[in-house]
Structure formats: C-alpha cells, structure tokens
Amino acid sequence: MRNTFFKNNFKSEDFEECFNWYREHMNELPQGLYTIPGVRIKDLPSTITKILKALENRKMNSPYYGMLSNLLYYRDEIIRLSDGKLSLDSKPEGEEQTAQE
C-alpha cells in the first residue's frame, strides 16, 4: 500500500488521476470504509463527493494537499479491499476494458 499521508507536494497530474478515478468508480464505492483501526467513514460516497467538490475549483497548493492525500489513501484502500475487482486501470462495471499493447 502506498502511504501518501503528509506528502507536501503533488503534481497537477496526481490530482487529475485521482479525481478521474473517483468519477469513474463513484457508483462502485463501498458504503463505508474503516480507514485505520477504530476510525470509520459511514457514508463514503457522500464524503468523497464533498471532498472532490471542495477541491474541484481550487489550485493545487499546500492547503489542499491533506485532502488529496486522504483521497489517495482511501482509493488505495478501496482497491486493496476490492479483491482485484477495482484497480487503478479498471473501468466501471459494464464498460469494456481496452487492451493495452
């Protein structure tokens, strides 16, 4: 698992990649997520939507790196817990996966 907490510098590509992944998989997110022992997000889709909305029109600078770090961590945990059903390269259910050469 990639640990991005407290990372203090991101490229705009990091933000776009993360933002796009959530857009593509919003309907496949689990309802809740335990982030660390004893800490649970009860309504993950709503939480992710609010974070994305807060970041949507912001310039990527240090005040927003914490939110992006959390999104990346949540994404990595969702992928890990999906038992291979989701990945960084996966398409939402019902969409064809294109072969990469």
N, C-alpha and C. Protein backbone atom coordinates (compact mmCIF):
# COMPACT_ATOMS: atom_id res chain seq x y z
N MET A 1 0.84 -1.17 0.00
CA MET A 1 0.00 0.00 0.00
C MET A 1 0.89 1.24 0.00
N ARG A 2 0.56 2.18 -0.80
CA ARG A 2 1.28 3.43 -0.90
C ARG A 2 0.80 4.38 0.18
N ASN A 3 1.71 4.90 0.97
CA ASN A 3 1.34 5.83 2.03
C ASN A 3 1.62 7.25 1.55
N THR A 4 0.57 8.03 1.37
CA THR A 4 0.75 9.40 0.88
C THR A 4 0.48 10.43 1.96
N PHE A 5 0.19 9.99 3.20
CA PHE A 5 -0.09 10.95 4.25
C PHE A 5 1.09 11.87 4.46
N PHE A 6 0.78 13.14 4.67
CA PHE A 6 1.74 14.18 4.96
C PHE A 6 2.65 14.50 3.79
N LYS A 7 2.34 14.01 2.62
CA LYS A 7 3.10 14.41 1.44
C LYS A 7 2.83 15.89 1.20
N ASN A 8 3.87 16.65 0.95
CA ASN A 8 3.67 18.10 0.86
C ASN A 8 3.84 18.66 -0.55
N ASN A 9 3.85 17.78 -1.53
CA ASN A 9 3.97 18.28 -2.89
C ASN A 9 3.34 17.28 -3.86
N PHE A 10 2.42 17.77 -4.65
CA PHE A 10 1.76 16.96 -5.67
C PHE A 10 1.83 17.69 -7.00
N LYS A 11 1.84 16.91 -8.06
CA LYS A 11 1.73 17.47 -9.41
C LYS A 11 0.25 17.56 -9.75
N SER A 12 -0.09 18.42 -10.68
CA SER A 12 -1.50 18.52 -11.09
C SER A 12 -1.97 17.20 -11.69
N GLU A 13 -1.05 16.41 -12.25
CA GLU A 13 -1.41 15.11 -12.81
C GLU A 13 -1.87 14.15 -11.71
N ASP A 14 -1.27 14.24 -10.51
CA ASP A 14 -1.70 13.41 -9.39
C ASP A 14 -3.15 13.68 -9.06
N PHE A 15 -3.49 14.96 -9.02
CA PHE A 15 -4.86 15.36 -8.71
C PHE A 15 -5.81 14.86 -9.79
N GLU A 16 -5.48 15.09 -11.05
CA GLU A 16 -6.36 14.69 -12.15
C GLU A 16 -6.57 13.18 -12.19
N GLU A 17 -5.49 12.42 -12.00
CA GLU A 17 -5.60 10.96 -11.99
C GLU A 17 -6.54 10.50 -10.89
N CYS A 18 -6.37 11.03 -9.71
CA CYS A 18 -7.21 10.66 -8.57
C CYS A 18 -8.66 11.08 -8.79
N PHE A 19 -8.85 12.31 -9.21
CA PHE A 19 -10.19 12.85 -9.45
C PHE A 19 -10.93 12.01 -10.49
N ASN A 20 -10.24 11.68 -11.58
CA ASN A 20 -10.86 10.89 -12.65
C ASN A 20 -11.20 9.48 -12.18
N TRP A 21 -10.34 8.88 -11.36
CA TRP A 21 -10.62 7.53 -10.86
C TRP A 21 -11.92 7.53 -10.07
N TYR A 22 -12.07 8.51 -9.19
CA TYR A 22 -13.30 8.58 -8.40
C TYR A 22 -14.52 8.85 -9.27
N ARG A 23 -14.39 9.69 -10.27
CA ARG A 23 -15.52 9.94 -11.18
C ARG A 23 -15.96 8.64 -11.86
N GLU A 24 -14.98 7.84 -12.29
CA GLU A 24 -15.30 6.59 -12.99
C GLU A 24 -15.87 5.52 -12.07
N HIS A 25 -15.55 5.55 -10.79
CA HIS A 25 -15.92 4.47 -9.88
C HIS A 25 -16.87 4.88 -8.76
N MET A 26 -17.43 6.06 -8.84
CA MET A 26 -18.28 6.56 -7.76
C MET A 26 -19.40 5.58 -7.42
N ASN A 27 -20.00 4.96 -8.43
CA ASN A 27 -21.11 4.03 -8.19
C ASN A 27 -20.65 2.68 -7.64
N GLU A 28 -19.35 2.45 -7.59
CA GLU A 28 -18.84 1.18 -7.10
C GLU A 28 -18.20 1.29 -5.71
N LEU A 29 -18.23 2.47 -5.14
CA LEU A 29 -17.62 2.66 -3.83
C LEU A 29 -18.41 1.92 -2.76
N PRO A 30 -17.70 1.38 -1.77
CA PRO A 30 -18.43 0.78 -0.65
C PRO A 30 -19.17 1.86 0.13
N GLN A 31 -20.20 1.48 0.84
CA GLN A 31 -20.96 2.45 1.62
C GLN A 31 -20.11 3.07 2.72
N GLY A 32 -19.27 2.26 3.35
CA GLY A 32 -18.41 2.75 4.44
C GLY A 32 -17.00 2.22 4.27
N LEU A 33 -16.09 2.80 5.05
CA LEU A 33 -14.69 2.39 4.96
C LEU A 33 -14.02 2.63 6.32
N TYR A 34 -13.36 1.58 6.83
CA TYR A 34 -12.51 1.75 8.01
C TYR A 34 -11.16 2.21 7.51
N THR A 35 -10.76 3.39 7.90
CA THR A 35 -9.50 3.95 7.41
C THR A 35 -8.31 3.48 8.23
N ILE A 36 -8.47 3.47 9.53
CA ILE A 36 -7.49 2.91 10.45
C ILE A 36 -8.29 2.26 11.56
N PRO A 37 -7.69 1.40 12.36
CA PRO A 37 -8.49 0.75 13.41
C PRO A 37 -9.26 1.76 14.26
N GLY A 38 -10.55 1.56 14.32
CA GLY A 38 -11.40 2.40 15.14
C GLY A 38 -11.93 3.65 14.45
N VAL A 39 -11.51 3.94 13.23
CA VAL A 39 -11.98 5.12 12.51
C VAL A 39 -12.73 4.65 11.27
N ARG A 40 -14.00 5.02 11.19
CA ARG A 40 -14.84 4.58 10.08
C ARG A 40 -15.53 5.77 9.43
N ILE A 41 -15.52 5.77 8.11
CA ILE A 41 -16.33 6.73 7.35
C ILE A 41 -17.63 6.00 7.05
N LYS A 42 -18.73 6.47 7.61
CA LYS A 42 -20.01 5.77 7.47
C LYS A 42 -20.61 5.91 6.08
N ASP A 43 -20.50 7.09 5.49
CA ASP A 43 -21.09 7.34 4.17
C ASP A 43 -19.97 7.77 3.23
N LEU A 44 -19.22 6.80 2.74
CA LEU A 44 -18.06 7.08 1.91
C LEU A 44 -18.41 7.83 0.63
N PRO A 45 -19.43 7.43 -0.13
CA PRO A 45 -19.74 8.18 -1.37
C PRO A 45 -20.01 9.66 -1.11
N SER A 46 -20.76 9.96 -0.07
CA SER A 46 -21.05 11.36 0.25
C SER A 46 -19.78 12.10 0.67
N THR A 47 -18.95 11.45 1.47
CA THR A 47 -17.69 12.06 1.92
C THR A 47 -16.78 12.36 0.74
N ILE A 48 -16.64 11.40 -0.16
CA ILE A 48 -15.78 11.58 -1.34
C ILE A 48 -16.33 12.71 -2.21
N THR A 49 -17.64 12.73 -2.41
CA THR A 49 -18.26 13.78 -3.23
C THR A 49 -17.97 15.16 -2.65
N LYS A 50 -18.07 15.30 -1.34
CA LYS A 50 -17.81 16.58 -0.70
C LYS A 50 -16.35 17.00 -0.83
N ILE A 51 -15.43 16.05 -0.68
CA ILE A 51 -14.01 16.37 -0.83
C ILE A 51 -13.70 16.78 -2.26
N LEU A 52 -14.23 16.02 -3.24
CA LEU A 52 -13.99 16.35 -4.64
C LEU A 52 -14.56 17.72 -4.98
N LYS A 53 -15.74 18.01 -4.47
CA LYS A 53 -16.35 19.32 -4.73
C LYS A 53 -15.50 20.45 -4.13
N ALA A 54 -14.97 20.22 -2.94
CA ALA A 54 -14.12 21.23 -2.30
C ALA A 54 -12.84 21.46 -3.09
N LEU A 55 -12.33 20.41 -3.71
CA LEU A 55 -11.07 20.52 -4.47
C LEU A 55 -11.27 20.94 -5.91
N GLU A 56 -12.49 20.78 -6.43
CA GLU A 56 -12.75 20.93 -7.86
C GLU A 56 -12.23 22.23 -8.46
N ASN A 57 -12.48 23.34 -7.84
CA ASN A 57 -12.10 24.62 -8.43
C ASN A 57 -10.93 25.28 -7.71
N ARG A 58 -10.17 24.50 -7.00
CA ARG A 58 -9.04 25.03 -6.25
C ARG A 58 -7.74 24.80 -7.00
N LYS A 59 -6.84 25.73 -6.84
CA LYS A 59 -5.49 25.50 -7.35
C LYS A 59 -4.84 24.50 -6.40
N MET A 60 -4.07 23.60 -6.95
CA MET A 60 -3.40 22.63 -6.10
C MET A 60 -2.23 23.32 -5.41
N ASN A 61 -2.40 23.57 -4.13
CA ASN A 61 -1.32 24.11 -3.33
C ASN A 61 -1.41 23.52 -1.94
N SER A 62 -0.47 23.85 -1.11
CA SER A 62 -0.32 23.15 0.17
C SER A 62 -1.56 23.06 1.05
N PRO A 63 -2.46 24.04 1.10
CA PRO A 63 -3.64 23.85 1.96
C PRO A 63 -4.52 22.68 1.53
N TYR A 64 -4.42 22.24 0.30
CA TYR A 64 -5.28 21.18 -0.21
C TYR A 64 -4.59 19.83 -0.30
N TYR A 65 -3.29 19.77 0.00
CA TYR A 65 -2.56 18.51 -0.10
C TYR A 65 -3.08 17.47 0.88
N GLY A 66 -3.56 17.89 2.04
CA GLY A 66 -4.10 16.94 3.01
C GLY A 66 -5.34 16.24 2.48
N MET A 67 -6.22 17.00 1.83
CA MET A 67 -7.42 16.40 1.26
C MET A 67 -7.06 15.42 0.15
N LEU A 68 -6.11 15.81 -0.71
CA LEU A 68 -5.68 14.91 -1.79
C LEU A 68 -5.00 13.67 -1.21
N SER A 69 -4.20 13.83 -0.18
CA SER A 69 -3.57 12.68 0.47
C SER A 69 -4.62 11.70 0.98
N ASN A 70 -5.67 12.24 1.60
CA ASN A 70 -6.75 11.36 2.07
C ASN A 70 -7.44 10.64 0.92
N LEU A 71 -7.73 11.35 -0.16
CA LEU A 71 -8.37 10.71 -1.31
C LEU A 71 -7.51 9.58 -1.86
N LEU A 72 -6.22 9.81 -1.96
CA LEU A 72 -5.32 8.77 -2.47
C LEU A 72 -5.28 7.57 -1.53
N TYR A 73 -5.25 7.84 -0.24
CA TYR A 73 -5.26 6.76 0.74
C TYR A 73 -6.57 5.96 0.65
N TYR A 74 -7.70 6.66 0.60
CA TYR A 74 -8.99 5.97 0.50
C TYR A 74 -9.05 5.13 -0.77
N ARG A 75 -8.59 5.69 -1.88
CA ARG A 75 -8.59 4.96 -3.15
C ARG A 75 -7.76 3.69 -3.03
N ASP A 76 -6.57 3.79 -2.47
CA ASP A 76 -5.71 2.62 -2.33
C ASP A 76 -6.35 1.55 -1.44
N GLU A 77 -7.03 1.98 -0.38
CA GLU A 77 -7.71 1.04 0.50
C GLU A 77 -8.89 0.39 -0.21
N ILE A 78 -9.65 1.16 -0.97
CA ILE A 78 -10.79 0.61 -1.72
C ILE A 78 -10.30 -0.44 -2.71
N ILE A 79 -9.22 -0.14 -3.41
CA ILE A 79 -8.65 -1.09 -4.37
C ILE A 79 -8.19 -2.35 -3.64
N ARG A 80 -7.50 -2.18 -2.53
CA ARG A 80 -6.98 -3.32 -1.77
C ARG A 80 -8.13 -4.21 -1.28
N LEU A 81 -9.19 -3.60 -0.81
CA LEU A 81 -10.31 -4.35 -0.25
C LEU A 81 -11.25 -4.92 -1.31
N SER A 82 -11.09 -4.51 -2.55
CA SER A 82 -12.00 -4.97 -3.62
C SER A 82 -11.61 -6.34 -4.17
N ASP A 83 -10.56 -6.94 -3.64
CA ASP A 83 -10.10 -8.26 -4.10
C ASP A 83 -9.91 -8.31 -5.61
N GLY A 84 -9.31 -7.28 -6.15
CA GLY A 84 -8.99 -7.26 -7.57
C GLY A 84 -10.10 -6.79 -8.48
N LYS A 85 -11.28 -6.50 -7.94
CA LYS A 85 -12.39 -6.03 -8.77
C LYS A 85 -12.17 -4.61 -9.27
N LEU A 86 -11.45 -3.82 -8.47
CA LEU A 86 -11.12 -2.46 -8.86
C LEU A 86 -9.61 -2.31 -8.86
N SER A 87 -9.12 -1.48 -9.75
CA SER A 87 -7.69 -1.18 -9.79
C SER A 87 -7.53 0.23 -10.33
N LEU A 88 -6.30 0.68 -10.39
CA LEU A 88 -6.06 2.00 -10.97
C LEU A 88 -6.44 2.03 -12.44
N ASP A 89 -6.38 0.87 -13.10
CA ASP A 89 -6.66 0.80 -14.53
C ASP A 89 -8.04 0.26 -14.86
N SER A 90 -8.82 -0.12 -13.85
CA SER A 90 -10.10 -0.75 -14.13
C SER A 90 -11.13 0.27 -14.58
N LYS A 91 -12.04 -0.22 -15.40
CA LYS A 91 -13.17 0.59 -15.85
C LYS A 91 -14.38 0.18 -15.03
N PRO A 92 -15.34 1.08 -14.87
CA PRO A 92 -16.56 0.72 -14.13
C PRO A 92 -17.26 -0.47 -14.76
N GLU A 93 -18.01 -1.21 -13.94
CA GLU A 93 -18.74 -2.35 -14.44
C GLU A 93 -19.63 -1.96 -15.60
N GLY A 94 -19.66 -2.79 -16.63
CA GLY A 94 -20.48 -2.51 -17.79
C GLY A 94 -19.73 -1.83 -18.91
N GLU A 95 -18.56 -1.28 -18.63
CA GLU A 95 -17.74 -0.66 -19.67
C GLU A 95 -16.64 -1.63 -20.05
N GLU A 96 -16.39 -1.71 -21.34
CA GLU A 96 -15.37 -2.63 -21.82
C GLU A 96 -13.97 -2.13 -21.45
N GLN A 97 -13.15 -3.09 -21.08
CA GLN A 97 -11.74 -2.79 -20.80
C GLN A 97 -11.00 -2.85 -22.13
N THR A 98 -10.25 -1.82 -22.45
CA THR A 98 -9.49 -1.84 -23.69
C THR A 98 -8.16 -2.50 -23.47
N ALA A 99 -7.75 -3.30 -24.40
CA ALA A 99 -6.46 -3.98 -24.30
C ALA A 99 -5.34 -2.99 -24.49
N GLN A 100 -4.32 -3.12 -23.66
CA GLN A 100 -3.16 -2.26 -23.79
C GLN A 100 -2.04 -3.06 -24.41
N GLU A 101 -1.38 -2.45 -25.35
CA GLU A 101 -0.29 -3.14 -26.04
C GLU A 101 1.03 -2.78 -25.44
